[in-house]
């Protein structure tokens, strides 16, 4: 491995940095998504609605505080807003509009946290192959320089090795960034869909109960 890094020469430095950043981001996001996926969000939504139907907003709020996660955070903000509006005696349409807006606002904030650092994987997935191609070009330049010096086989071989190693390294780093990002994006979409469904359920509840 060390020999390949040395033979890859200058472009291996940036590629190694990209690989370490990729591993750090994947590690961080993996545990974040894993923690969220361990929460039974469907059960949370059912319990919250059951508490609301029983007229116990505080119990629904406590349920969200205990559950944690992006969906629970959005529901918590909505329930607190709903409680304040209900205490003021606002009509159903006003409560629907305000609670819906609160959920939309907090949903955007929650999804920003969920998708945190995923743009880093996008950047590395794009940049790593380009760095590898740059190494390919510099390696071929070195090879042609060896040929120009009267066919110095060692220089030609070094140039070809640099070209091939950096190309392979760039593609490997890109794969390690792109594949996890695809999985994380799918999980992020699932979270966003759950929040949208919870939004619809809560708004529908407000309209039917008031």
N, C-alpha and C. Protein backbone atom coordinates (compact mmCIF):
# COMPACT_ATOMS: atom_id res chain seq x y z
N UNK A 1 0.83 -1.21 0.00
CA UNK A 1 0.00 0.00 0.00
C UNK A 1 0.87 1.26 0.00
N UNK A 2 1.85 1.30 0.90
CA UNK A 2 2.74 2.46 0.98
C UNK A 2 3.49 2.65 -0.33
N UNK A 3 3.88 1.54 -0.95
CA UNK A 3 4.60 1.62 -2.22
C UNK A 3 3.72 2.26 -3.30
N UNK A 4 2.44 1.89 -3.31
CA UNK A 4 1.52 2.46 -4.30
C UNK A 4 1.33 3.96 -4.06
N UNK A 5 1.25 4.34 -2.79
CA UNK A 5 1.09 5.76 -2.47
C UNK A 5 2.30 6.55 -2.94
N UNK A 6 3.48 5.98 -2.71
CA UNK A 6 4.71 6.66 -3.13
C UNK A 6 4.78 6.76 -4.65
N UNK A 7 4.41 5.66 -5.33
CA UNK A 7 4.45 5.65 -6.80
C UNK A 7 3.42 6.60 -7.41
N UNK A 8 2.33 6.85 -6.65
CA UNK A 8 1.30 7.77 -7.14
C UNK A 8 1.73 9.22 -7.09
N UNK A 9 2.76 9.49 -6.31
CA UNK A 9 3.37 10.82 -6.20
C UNK A 9 2.41 11.89 -5.71
N UNK A 10 2.50 13.09 -6.31
CA UNK A 10 1.91 14.30 -5.73
C UNK A 10 0.39 14.24 -5.56
N UNK A 11 -0.33 13.68 -6.50
CA UNK A 11 -1.79 13.71 -6.42
C UNK A 11 -2.34 12.76 -5.38
N UNK A 12 -1.51 11.88 -4.85
CA UNK A 12 -1.97 10.95 -3.82
C UNK A 12 -2.25 11.67 -2.51
N UNK A 13 -1.57 12.81 -2.29
CA UNK A 13 -1.81 13.58 -1.06
C UNK A 13 -3.25 14.06 -0.97
N UNK A 14 -3.73 14.82 -1.97
CA UNK A 14 -5.13 15.25 -1.95
C UNK A 14 -6.12 14.09 -1.92
N UNK A 15 -5.79 13.00 -2.61
CA UNK A 15 -6.69 11.84 -2.62
C UNK A 15 -6.76 11.18 -1.25
N UNK A 16 -5.63 11.14 -0.54
CA UNK A 16 -5.63 10.58 0.82
C UNK A 16 -6.47 11.45 1.76
N UNK A 17 -6.35 12.77 1.60
CA UNK A 17 -7.16 13.69 2.41
C UNK A 17 -8.64 13.47 2.12
N UNK A 18 -8.99 13.35 0.84
CA UNK A 18 -10.38 13.09 0.45
C UNK A 18 -10.90 11.79 1.05
N UNK A 19 -10.06 10.77 1.05
CA UNK A 19 -10.48 9.48 1.60
C UNK A 19 -10.73 9.55 3.10
N UNK A 20 -9.87 10.28 3.82
CA UNK A 20 -10.05 10.40 5.27
C UNK A 20 -11.29 11.22 5.61
N UNK A 21 -11.52 12.30 4.85
CA UNK A 21 -12.73 13.10 5.07
C UNK A 21 -13.98 12.28 4.78
N UNK A 22 -13.92 11.49 3.71
CA UNK A 22 -15.06 10.63 3.35
C UNK A 22 -15.38 9.66 4.47
N UNK A 23 -14.36 9.01 4.99
CA UNK A 23 -14.57 8.03 6.07
C UNK A 23 -15.16 8.71 7.31
N UNK A 24 -14.68 9.90 7.62
CA UNK A 24 -15.18 10.62 8.79
C UNK A 24 -16.65 10.99 8.62
N UNK A 25 -17.02 11.48 7.44
CA UNK A 25 -18.42 11.88 7.19
C UNK A 25 -19.33 10.66 7.17
N UNK A 26 -18.89 9.60 6.51
CA UNK A 26 -19.71 8.38 6.45
C UNK A 26 -19.92 7.82 7.85
N UNK A 27 -18.89 7.80 8.66
CA UNK A 27 -18.98 7.32 10.04
C UNK A 27 -19.99 8.16 10.83
N UNK A 28 -19.87 9.47 10.72
CA UNK A 28 -20.75 10.38 11.45
C UNK A 28 -22.21 10.22 11.03
N UNK A 29 -22.46 10.23 9.73
CA UNK A 29 -23.84 10.15 9.23
C UNK A 29 -24.44 8.77 9.44
N UNK A 30 -23.61 7.73 9.38
CA UNK A 30 -24.11 6.37 9.60
C UNK A 30 -24.71 6.23 10.99
N UNK A 31 -23.99 6.70 12.00
CA UNK A 31 -24.49 6.57 13.36
C UNK A 31 -25.67 7.50 13.61
N UNK A 32 -25.69 8.66 12.95
CA UNK A 32 -26.83 9.58 13.10
C UNK A 32 -28.10 8.96 12.52
N UNK A 33 -28.00 8.42 11.31
CA UNK A 33 -29.17 7.79 10.69
C UNK A 33 -29.56 6.51 11.42
N UNK A 34 -28.56 5.78 11.89
CA UNK A 34 -28.85 4.55 12.62
C UNK A 34 -29.64 4.84 13.88
N UNK A 35 -29.26 5.91 14.60
CA UNK A 35 -29.98 6.30 15.82
C UNK A 35 -31.42 6.68 15.49
N UNK A 36 -31.60 7.41 14.39
CA UNK A 36 -32.95 7.82 14.01
C UNK A 36 -33.81 6.63 13.59
N UNK A 37 -33.20 5.69 12.86
CA UNK A 37 -33.96 4.53 12.38
C UNK A 37 -34.33 3.57 13.51
N UNK A 38 -33.69 3.72 14.66
CA UNK A 38 -34.04 2.88 15.80
C UNK A 38 -35.31 3.38 16.50
N UNK A 39 -35.76 4.60 16.14
CA UNK A 39 -36.98 5.17 16.73
C UNK A 39 -38.20 4.65 15.97
N UNK A 40 -39.19 4.19 16.69
CA UNK A 40 -40.43 3.71 16.06
C UNK A 40 -41.32 4.92 15.79
N UNK A 41 -41.09 5.55 14.65
CA UNK A 41 -41.80 6.79 14.33
C UNK A 41 -43.29 6.57 14.09
N UNK A 42 -43.64 5.44 13.51
CA UNK A 42 -45.06 5.17 13.27
C UNK A 42 -45.81 5.04 14.59
N UNK A 43 -45.20 4.35 15.54
CA UNK A 43 -45.81 4.23 16.87
C UNK A 43 -45.92 5.59 17.54
N UNK A 44 -44.90 6.44 17.34
CA UNK A 44 -44.91 7.78 17.93
C UNK A 44 -46.09 8.58 17.38
N UNK A 45 -46.31 8.53 16.09
CA UNK A 45 -47.41 9.27 15.48
C UNK A 45 -48.76 8.80 16.01
N UNK A 46 -48.90 7.49 16.15
CA UNK A 46 -50.16 6.94 16.65
C UNK A 46 -50.41 7.38 18.10
N UNK A 47 -49.37 7.30 18.92
CA UNK A 47 -49.50 7.68 20.33
C UNK A 47 -49.84 9.17 20.47
N UNK A 48 -49.20 10.00 19.67
CA UNK A 48 -49.46 11.44 19.72
C UNK A 48 -50.91 11.72 19.35
N UNK A 49 -51.39 11.11 18.30
CA UNK A 49 -52.77 11.33 17.88
C UNK A 49 -53.75 10.81 18.92
N UNK A 50 -53.45 9.68 19.53
CA UNK A 50 -54.33 9.12 20.56
C UNK A 50 -54.42 10.06 21.76
N UNK A 51 -53.29 10.63 22.15
CA UNK A 51 -53.29 11.58 23.27
C UNK A 51 -54.09 12.83 22.91
N UNK A 52 -53.96 13.28 21.66
CA UNK A 52 -54.69 14.47 21.24
C UNK A 52 -56.20 14.20 21.20
N UNK A 53 -56.57 13.02 20.74
CA UNK A 53 -57.99 12.66 20.70
C UNK A 53 -58.57 12.58 22.11
N UNK A 54 -57.71 12.23 23.05
CA UNK A 54 -58.15 12.17 24.45
C UNK A 54 -58.10 13.55 25.11
N UNK A 55 -57.64 14.55 24.34
CA UNK A 55 -57.58 15.92 24.87
C UNK A 55 -56.39 16.19 25.75
N UNK A 56 -55.39 15.33 25.70
CA UNK A 56 -54.22 15.48 26.57
C UNK A 56 -53.02 15.93 25.74
N UNK A 57 -52.90 17.22 25.50
CA UNK A 57 -51.80 17.75 24.70
C UNK A 57 -50.46 17.59 25.42
N UNK A 58 -50.48 17.73 26.74
CA UNK A 58 -49.25 17.61 27.51
C UNK A 58 -48.64 16.22 27.39
N UNK A 59 -49.50 15.20 27.41
CA UNK A 59 -49.00 13.82 27.27
C UNK A 59 -48.40 13.60 25.89
N UNK A 60 -49.03 14.19 24.86
CA UNK A 60 -48.51 14.09 23.50
C UNK A 60 -47.15 14.79 23.40
N UNK A 61 -47.05 15.93 24.08
CA UNK A 61 -45.78 16.67 24.10
C UNK A 61 -44.68 15.88 24.78
N UNK A 62 -44.99 15.28 25.91
CA UNK A 62 -44.01 14.46 26.64
C UNK A 62 -43.57 13.28 25.80
N UNK A 63 -44.47 12.73 25.01
CA UNK A 63 -44.15 11.60 24.14
C UNK A 63 -43.08 12.00 23.12
N UNK A 64 -43.22 13.20 22.58
CA UNK A 64 -42.25 13.69 21.59
C UNK A 64 -40.91 14.00 22.24
N UNK A 65 -40.94 14.56 23.43
CA UNK A 65 -39.69 14.88 24.14
C UNK A 65 -38.91 13.59 24.43
N UNK A 66 -39.62 12.55 24.79
CA UNK A 66 -38.96 11.28 25.12
C UNK A 66 -38.42 10.59 23.88
N UNK A 67 -39.12 10.73 22.75
CA UNK A 67 -38.74 10.01 21.54
C UNK A 67 -37.49 10.59 20.88
N UNK A 68 -37.38 11.92 20.80
CA UNK A 68 -36.27 12.61 20.12
C UNK A 68 -36.30 12.29 18.62
N UNK A 69 -35.33 12.84 17.88
CA UNK A 69 -35.27 12.64 16.45
C UNK A 69 -35.96 13.77 15.69
N UNK A 70 -35.75 13.86 14.38
CA UNK A 70 -36.31 14.96 13.57
C UNK A 70 -37.83 15.01 13.57
N UNK A 71 -38.49 13.86 13.44
CA UNK A 71 -39.95 13.84 13.44
C UNK A 71 -40.50 14.31 14.78
N UNK A 72 -39.92 13.82 15.86
CA UNK A 72 -40.37 14.22 17.20
C UNK A 72 -40.17 15.71 17.42
N UNK A 73 -39.08 16.27 16.90
CA UNK A 73 -38.81 17.70 17.06
C UNK A 73 -39.85 18.54 16.34
N UNK A 74 -40.22 18.12 15.13
CA UNK A 74 -41.22 18.85 14.36
C UNK A 74 -42.59 18.77 15.04
N UNK A 75 -42.95 17.57 15.49
CA UNK A 75 -44.22 17.39 16.19
C UNK A 75 -44.25 18.19 17.49
N UNK A 76 -43.14 18.24 18.18
CA UNK A 76 -43.08 18.97 19.44
C UNK A 76 -43.35 20.46 19.22
N UNK A 77 -42.72 21.03 18.19
CA UNK A 77 -42.95 22.44 17.88
C UNK A 77 -44.41 22.69 17.51
N UNK A 78 -44.98 21.78 16.74
CA UNK A 78 -46.37 21.93 16.31
C UNK A 78 -47.33 21.83 17.50
N UNK A 79 -47.07 20.89 18.40
CA UNK A 79 -47.95 20.70 19.56
C UNK A 79 -47.91 21.91 20.50
N UNK A 80 -46.73 22.46 20.69
CA UNK A 80 -46.63 23.64 21.54
C UNK A 80 -47.38 24.82 20.93
N UNK A 81 -47.28 24.97 19.62
CA UNK A 81 -48.02 26.03 18.93
C UNK A 81 -49.52 25.78 19.02
N UNK A 82 -49.91 24.53 18.82
CA UNK A 82 -51.33 24.16 18.88
C UNK A 82 -51.91 24.43 20.27
N UNK A 83 -51.14 24.12 21.30
CA UNK A 83 -51.61 24.34 22.66
C UNK A 83 -51.84 25.82 22.93
N UNK A 84 -50.90 26.66 22.49
CA UNK A 84 -51.03 28.11 22.69
C UNK A 84 -52.25 28.66 21.95
N UNK A 85 -52.45 28.22 20.73
CA UNK A 85 -53.59 28.70 19.94
C UNK A 85 -54.91 28.24 20.54
N UNK A 86 -54.91 27.01 21.03
CA UNK A 86 -56.14 26.47 21.63
C UNK A 86 -56.50 27.23 22.90
N UNK A 87 -55.49 27.57 23.69
CA UNK A 87 -55.73 28.33 24.93
C UNK A 87 -56.25 29.73 24.64
N UNK A 88 -55.87 30.29 23.49
CA UNK A 88 -56.36 31.61 23.09
C UNK A 88 -57.75 31.55 22.46
N UNK A 89 -58.21 30.33 22.18
CA UNK A 89 -59.54 30.17 21.60
C UNK A 89 -59.60 30.47 20.12
N UNK A 90 -58.50 30.26 19.40
CA UNK A 90 -58.48 30.51 17.96
C UNK A 90 -59.36 29.50 17.23
N UNK A 91 -59.85 29.89 16.06
CA UNK A 91 -60.71 28.99 15.30
C UNK A 91 -59.88 27.93 14.57
N UNK A 92 -60.56 26.92 14.04
CA UNK A 92 -59.88 25.77 13.44
C UNK A 92 -59.03 26.16 12.24
N UNK A 93 -59.54 27.07 11.40
CA UNK A 93 -58.79 27.47 10.21
C UNK A 93 -57.48 28.17 10.58
N UNK A 94 -57.55 29.05 11.58
CA UNK A 94 -56.34 29.74 12.03
C UNK A 94 -55.33 28.75 12.59
N UNK A 95 -55.82 27.82 13.41
CA UNK A 95 -54.92 26.82 13.99
C UNK A 95 -54.30 25.95 12.90
N UNK A 96 -55.10 25.60 11.91
CA UNK A 96 -54.59 24.76 10.81
C UNK A 96 -53.46 25.47 10.08
N UNK A 97 -53.68 26.75 9.76
CA UNK A 97 -52.68 27.51 9.01
C UNK A 97 -51.40 27.72 9.82
N UNK A 98 -51.56 28.10 11.08
CA UNK A 98 -50.39 28.39 11.91
C UNK A 98 -49.61 27.12 12.21
N UNK A 99 -50.31 26.07 12.63
CA UNK A 99 -49.62 24.81 12.95
C UNK A 99 -48.96 24.23 11.71
N UNK A 100 -49.63 24.31 10.57
CA UNK A 100 -49.04 23.82 9.32
C UNK A 100 -47.78 24.58 8.96
N UNK A 101 -47.80 25.90 9.15
CA UNK A 101 -46.62 26.72 8.86
C UNK A 101 -45.48 26.41 9.82
N UNK A 102 -45.82 26.22 11.09
CA UNK A 102 -44.80 25.87 12.08
C UNK A 102 -44.12 24.55 11.71
N UNK A 103 -44.93 23.58 11.31
CA UNK A 103 -44.36 22.28 10.94
C UNK A 103 -43.50 22.40 9.69
N UNK A 104 -43.92 23.22 8.73
CA UNK A 104 -43.11 23.42 7.52
C UNK A 104 -41.76 24.05 7.86
N UNK A 105 -41.79 25.06 8.73
CA UNK A 105 -40.56 25.75 9.12
C UNK A 105 -39.60 24.82 9.86
N UNK A 106 -40.14 24.09 10.84
CA UNK A 106 -39.29 23.20 11.62
C UNK A 106 -38.86 21.98 10.81
N UNK A 107 -39.68 21.60 9.83
CA UNK A 107 -39.30 20.50 8.95
C UNK A 107 -38.06 20.86 8.15
N UNK A 108 -38.04 22.11 7.63
CA UNK A 108 -36.87 22.57 6.87
C UNK A 108 -35.61 22.57 7.74
N UNK A 109 -35.76 23.00 8.99
CA UNK A 109 -34.61 23.02 9.90
C UNK A 109 -34.15 21.60 10.23
N UNK A 110 -35.10 20.72 10.48
CA UNK A 110 -34.76 19.34 10.83
C UNK A 110 -34.08 18.62 9.67
N UNK A 111 -34.59 18.85 8.44
CA UNK A 111 -33.99 18.20 7.28
C UNK A 111 -32.60 18.75 7.00
N UNK A 112 -32.38 20.01 7.35
CA UNK A 112 -31.04 20.58 7.20
C UNK A 112 -30.05 19.84 8.11
N UNK A 113 -30.50 19.53 9.33
CA UNK A 113 -29.65 18.77 10.26
C UNK A 113 -29.45 17.35 9.76
N UNK A 114 -30.53 16.74 9.25
CA UNK A 114 -30.45 15.36 8.75
C UNK A 114 -29.44 15.25 7.60
N UNK A 115 -29.47 16.24 6.70
CA UNK A 115 -28.62 16.20 5.50
C UNK A 115 -27.25 16.84 5.72
N UNK A 116 -26.96 17.17 6.97
CA UNK A 116 -25.68 17.82 7.28
C UNK A 116 -24.49 17.00 6.78
N UNK A 117 -23.58 17.68 6.11
CA UNK A 117 -22.32 17.12 5.60
C UNK A 117 -22.49 16.19 4.39
N UNK A 118 -23.70 15.92 3.95
CA UNK A 118 -23.87 15.07 2.77
C UNK A 118 -23.33 15.76 1.52
N UNK A 119 -23.33 17.10 1.53
CA UNK A 119 -22.77 17.83 0.39
C UNK A 119 -21.27 17.62 0.28
N UNK A 120 -20.63 17.27 1.40
CA UNK A 120 -19.19 16.96 1.38
C UNK A 120 -18.95 15.71 0.54
N UNK A 121 -19.82 14.71 0.71
CA UNK A 121 -19.70 13.48 -0.08
C UNK A 121 -19.93 13.76 -1.56
N UNK A 122 -20.86 14.67 -1.86
CA UNK A 122 -21.11 15.04 -3.25
C UNK A 122 -19.86 15.67 -3.86
N UNK A 123 -19.25 16.57 -3.11
CA UNK A 123 -18.05 17.25 -3.61
C UNK A 123 -16.91 16.28 -3.84
N UNK A 124 -16.70 15.39 -2.88
CA UNK A 124 -15.60 14.43 -3.01
C UNK A 124 -15.89 13.44 -4.14
N UNK A 125 -17.14 13.02 -4.25
CA UNK A 125 -17.51 12.10 -5.33
C UNK A 125 -17.25 12.68 -6.70
N UNK A 126 -17.32 14.01 -6.80
CA UNK A 126 -17.05 14.69 -8.07
C UNK A 126 -15.56 14.99 -8.24
N UNK A 127 -14.93 15.41 -7.15
CA UNK A 127 -13.54 15.87 -7.23
C UNK A 127 -12.53 14.73 -7.33
N UNK A 128 -12.79 13.62 -6.63
CA UNK A 128 -11.80 12.54 -6.58
C UNK A 128 -11.44 11.99 -7.97
N UNK A 129 -12.41 11.70 -8.85
CA UNK A 129 -12.02 11.23 -10.20
C UNK A 129 -11.22 12.28 -10.97
N UNK A 130 -11.55 13.57 -10.75
CA UNK A 130 -10.81 14.63 -11.44
C UNK A 130 -9.37 14.70 -10.95
N UNK A 131 -9.19 14.50 -9.63
CA UNK A 131 -7.82 14.46 -9.10
C UNK A 131 -7.07 13.26 -9.67
N UNK A 132 -7.79 12.13 -9.78
CA UNK A 132 -7.17 10.94 -10.37
C UNK A 132 -6.77 11.17 -11.82
N UNK A 133 -7.64 11.85 -12.56
CA UNK A 133 -7.32 12.16 -13.97
C UNK A 133 -6.15 13.12 -14.07
N UNK A 134 -6.07 14.05 -13.13
CA UNK A 134 -4.92 14.96 -13.12
C UNK A 134 -3.63 14.19 -12.92
N UNK A 135 -3.68 13.21 -12.00
CA UNK A 135 -2.52 12.34 -11.79
C UNK A 135 -2.19 11.54 -13.03
N UNK A 136 -3.22 11.15 -13.77
CA UNK A 136 -3.00 10.42 -15.02
C UNK A 136 -2.23 11.28 -16.02
N UNK A 137 -2.66 12.55 -16.11
CA UNK A 137 -2.00 13.46 -17.04
C UNK A 137 -0.55 13.71 -16.64
N UNK A 138 -0.32 13.98 -15.35
CA UNK A 138 1.07 14.24 -14.91
C UNK A 138 1.93 12.99 -15.08
N UNK A 139 1.31 11.83 -14.87
CA UNK A 139 2.07 10.59 -15.07
C UNK A 139 2.45 10.39 -16.53
N UNK A 140 1.52 10.67 -17.44
CA UNK A 140 1.82 10.52 -18.87
C UNK A 140 2.86 11.54 -19.32
N UNK A 141 2.81 12.76 -18.73
CA UNK A 141 3.83 13.76 -19.04
C UNK A 141 5.21 13.24 -18.64
N UNK A 142 5.25 12.62 -17.44
CA UNK A 142 6.53 12.06 -16.97
C UNK A 142 7.00 10.94 -17.90
N UNK A 143 6.06 10.14 -18.39
CA UNK A 143 6.42 9.05 -19.31
C UNK A 143 7.00 9.58 -20.61
N UNK A 144 6.34 10.58 -21.16
CA UNK A 144 6.83 11.17 -22.41
C UNK A 144 8.17 11.87 -22.21
N UNK A 145 8.35 12.43 -21.00
CA UNK A 145 9.64 13.05 -20.70
C UNK A 145 10.75 12.00 -20.70
N UNK A 146 10.40 10.81 -20.17
CA UNK A 146 11.37 9.71 -20.18
C UNK A 146 11.71 9.27 -21.59
N UNK A 147 10.68 9.24 -22.45
CA UNK A 147 10.93 8.89 -23.85
C UNK A 147 11.79 9.94 -24.54
N UNK A 148 11.54 11.19 -24.19
CA UNK A 148 12.30 12.29 -24.79
C UNK A 148 13.76 12.26 -24.37
N UNK A 149 14.02 11.68 -23.20
CA UNK A 149 15.40 11.59 -22.70
C UNK A 149 16.12 10.37 -23.26
N UNK A 150 15.64 9.86 -24.36
CA UNK A 150 16.31 8.73 -24.99
C UNK A 150 15.73 7.40 -24.59
N UNK A 151 14.47 7.40 -24.14
CA UNK A 151 13.81 6.15 -23.81
C UNK A 151 14.24 5.58 -22.49
N UNK A 152 14.33 6.42 -21.47
CA UNK A 152 14.68 5.96 -20.12
C UNK A 152 13.53 5.12 -19.59
N UNK A 153 13.73 3.80 -19.58
CA UNK A 153 12.65 2.88 -19.21
C UNK A 153 12.15 3.09 -17.78
N UNK A 154 13.03 3.46 -16.87
CA UNK A 154 12.62 3.64 -15.47
C UNK A 154 11.69 4.83 -15.35
N UNK A 155 11.98 5.93 -16.07
CA UNK A 155 11.12 7.10 -16.02
C UNK A 155 9.77 6.83 -16.68
N UNK A 156 9.81 6.08 -17.79
CA UNK A 156 8.56 5.72 -18.47
C UNK A 156 7.70 4.88 -17.56
N UNK A 157 8.32 3.90 -16.90
CA UNK A 157 7.57 3.01 -16.01
C UNK A 157 7.01 3.79 -14.82
N UNK A 158 7.79 4.70 -14.27
CA UNK A 158 7.32 5.51 -13.14
C UNK A 158 6.13 6.38 -13.54
N UNK A 159 6.20 6.95 -14.73
CA UNK A 159 5.10 7.78 -15.22
C UNK A 159 3.83 6.99 -15.41
N UNK A 160 3.95 5.80 -15.98
CA UNK A 160 2.78 4.95 -16.20
C UNK A 160 2.19 4.50 -14.86
N UNK A 161 3.08 4.15 -13.92
CA UNK A 161 2.61 3.74 -12.59
C UNK A 161 1.85 4.87 -11.91
N UNK A 162 2.39 6.09 -12.01
CA UNK A 162 1.72 7.25 -11.41
C UNK A 162 0.35 7.45 -12.04
N UNK A 163 0.27 7.32 -13.35
CA UNK A 163 -1.00 7.53 -14.06
C UNK A 163 -2.04 6.51 -13.63
N UNK A 164 -1.65 5.23 -13.59
CA UNK A 164 -2.61 4.17 -13.27
C UNK A 164 -3.04 4.21 -11.80
N UNK A 165 -2.09 4.44 -10.92
CA UNK A 165 -2.39 4.42 -9.48
C UNK A 165 -3.32 5.57 -9.10
N UNK A 166 -3.03 6.77 -9.60
CA UNK A 166 -3.89 7.90 -9.26
C UNK A 166 -5.29 7.76 -9.86
N UNK A 167 -5.38 7.18 -11.05
CA UNK A 167 -6.69 6.95 -11.66
C UNK A 167 -7.51 6.00 -10.81
N UNK A 168 -6.88 4.89 -10.43
CA UNK A 168 -7.58 3.89 -9.62
C UNK A 168 -7.96 4.47 -8.25
N UNK A 169 -7.04 5.21 -7.64
CA UNK A 169 -7.31 5.79 -6.32
C UNK A 169 -8.46 6.78 -6.39
N UNK A 170 -8.50 7.61 -7.44
CA UNK A 170 -9.58 8.58 -7.59
C UNK A 170 -10.93 7.91 -7.72
N UNK A 171 -10.99 6.85 -8.49
CA UNK A 171 -12.26 6.13 -8.68
C UNK A 171 -12.70 5.44 -7.39
N UNK A 172 -11.77 4.85 -6.67
CA UNK A 172 -12.10 4.15 -5.42
C UNK A 172 -12.63 5.13 -4.38
N UNK A 173 -11.94 6.27 -4.23
CA UNK A 173 -12.40 7.29 -3.27
C UNK A 173 -13.79 7.79 -3.64
N UNK A 174 -14.02 8.01 -4.95
CA UNK A 174 -15.34 8.47 -5.40
C UNK A 174 -16.43 7.45 -5.09
N UNK A 175 -16.13 6.18 -5.27
CA UNK A 175 -17.11 5.13 -4.97
C UNK A 175 -17.45 5.10 -3.48
N UNK A 176 -16.43 5.26 -2.65
CA UNK A 176 -16.66 5.25 -1.20
C UNK A 176 -17.45 6.47 -0.73
N UNK A 177 -17.51 7.51 -1.57
CA UNK A 177 -18.31 8.69 -1.23
C UNK A 177 -19.71 8.59 -1.82
N UNK A 178 -19.81 8.16 -3.06
CA UNK A 178 -21.09 8.17 -3.79
C UNK A 178 -22.05 7.10 -3.29
N UNK A 179 -21.56 5.90 -3.04
CA UNK A 179 -22.46 4.80 -2.63
C UNK A 179 -23.11 5.08 -1.27
N UNK A 180 -22.35 5.43 -0.22
CA UNK A 180 -23.00 5.78 1.05
C UNK A 180 -23.94 6.98 0.91
N UNK A 181 -23.56 7.95 0.09
CA UNK A 181 -24.41 9.12 -0.07
C UNK A 181 -25.77 8.73 -0.66
N UNK A 182 -25.76 7.81 -1.59
CA UNK A 182 -27.01 7.33 -2.18
C UNK A 182 -27.91 6.70 -1.13
N UNK A 183 -27.31 5.90 -0.25
CA UNK A 183 -28.08 5.26 0.83
C UNK A 183 -28.61 6.31 1.80
N UNK A 184 -27.76 7.26 2.18
CA UNK A 184 -28.17 8.31 3.11
C UNK A 184 -29.29 9.17 2.52
N UNK A 185 -29.20 9.45 1.22
CA UNK A 185 -30.25 10.25 0.57
C UNK A 185 -31.60 9.52 0.62
N UNK A 186 -31.56 8.21 0.44
CA UNK A 186 -32.81 7.43 0.50
C UNK A 186 -33.39 7.47 1.91
N UNK A 187 -32.55 7.33 2.91
CA UNK A 187 -33.02 7.41 4.30
C UNK A 187 -33.54 8.80 4.63
N UNK A 188 -32.87 9.82 4.08
CA UNK A 188 -33.33 11.20 4.29
C UNK A 188 -34.71 11.41 3.68
N UNK A 189 -34.93 10.86 2.50
CA UNK A 189 -36.24 10.98 1.84
C UNK A 189 -37.33 10.30 2.67
N UNK A 190 -37.00 9.18 3.31
CA UNK A 190 -37.97 8.48 4.15
C UNK A 190 -38.35 9.35 5.35
N UNK A 191 -37.37 10.02 5.95
CA UNK A 191 -37.64 10.90 7.09
C UNK A 191 -38.53 12.07 6.66
N UNK A 192 -38.21 12.65 5.52
CA UNK A 192 -39.00 13.78 5.02
C UNK A 192 -40.44 13.37 4.73
N UNK A 193 -40.61 12.18 4.19
CA UNK A 193 -41.95 11.67 3.91
C UNK A 193 -42.74 11.46 5.21
N UNK A 194 -42.08 10.92 6.23
CA UNK A 194 -42.74 10.73 7.53
C UNK A 194 -43.19 12.06 8.13
N UNK A 195 -42.36 13.08 7.99
CA UNK A 195 -42.72 14.39 8.52
C UNK A 195 -43.92 14.96 7.77
N UNK A 196 -43.94 14.79 6.45
CA UNK A 196 -45.06 15.27 5.66
C UNK A 196 -46.36 14.54 6.04
N UNK A 197 -46.26 13.24 6.27
CA UNK A 197 -47.44 12.47 6.67
C UNK A 197 -47.94 12.91 8.04
N UNK A 198 -47.00 13.16 8.96
CA UNK A 198 -47.37 13.63 10.30
C UNK A 198 -48.03 15.00 10.23
N UNK A 199 -47.53 15.84 9.34
CA UNK A 199 -48.11 17.16 9.12
C UNK A 199 -49.56 17.03 8.68
N UNK A 200 -49.80 16.17 7.71
CA UNK A 200 -51.16 15.97 7.20
C UNK A 200 -52.08 15.42 8.29
N UNK A 201 -51.57 14.48 9.07
CA UNK A 201 -52.39 13.88 10.14
C UNK A 201 -52.79 14.91 11.18
N UNK A 202 -51.83 15.75 11.58
CA UNK A 202 -52.11 16.73 12.62
C UNK A 202 -53.07 17.81 12.13
N UNK A 203 -52.87 18.27 10.89
CA UNK A 203 -53.76 19.29 10.32
C UNK A 203 -55.17 18.74 10.17
N UNK A 204 -55.26 17.49 9.72
CA UNK A 204 -56.58 16.86 9.57
C UNK A 204 -57.28 16.72 10.92
N UNK A 205 -56.48 16.37 11.95
CA UNK A 205 -57.05 16.25 13.29
C UNK A 205 -57.63 17.58 13.76
N UNK A 206 -56.88 18.66 13.53
CA UNK A 206 -57.33 20.00 13.95
C UNK A 206 -58.65 20.37 13.29
N UNK A 207 -58.74 20.08 11.99
CA UNK A 207 -59.96 20.43 11.25
C UNK A 207 -61.16 19.60 11.68
N UNK A 208 -60.94 18.33 11.98
CA UNK A 208 -62.07 17.46 12.34
C UNK A 208 -62.51 17.64 13.78
N UNK A 209 -61.57 18.04 14.65
CA UNK A 209 -61.90 18.16 16.07
C UNK A 209 -62.41 19.55 16.45
N UNK A 210 -62.24 20.53 15.56
CA UNK A 210 -62.68 21.89 15.89
C UNK A 210 -63.65 22.36 14.84
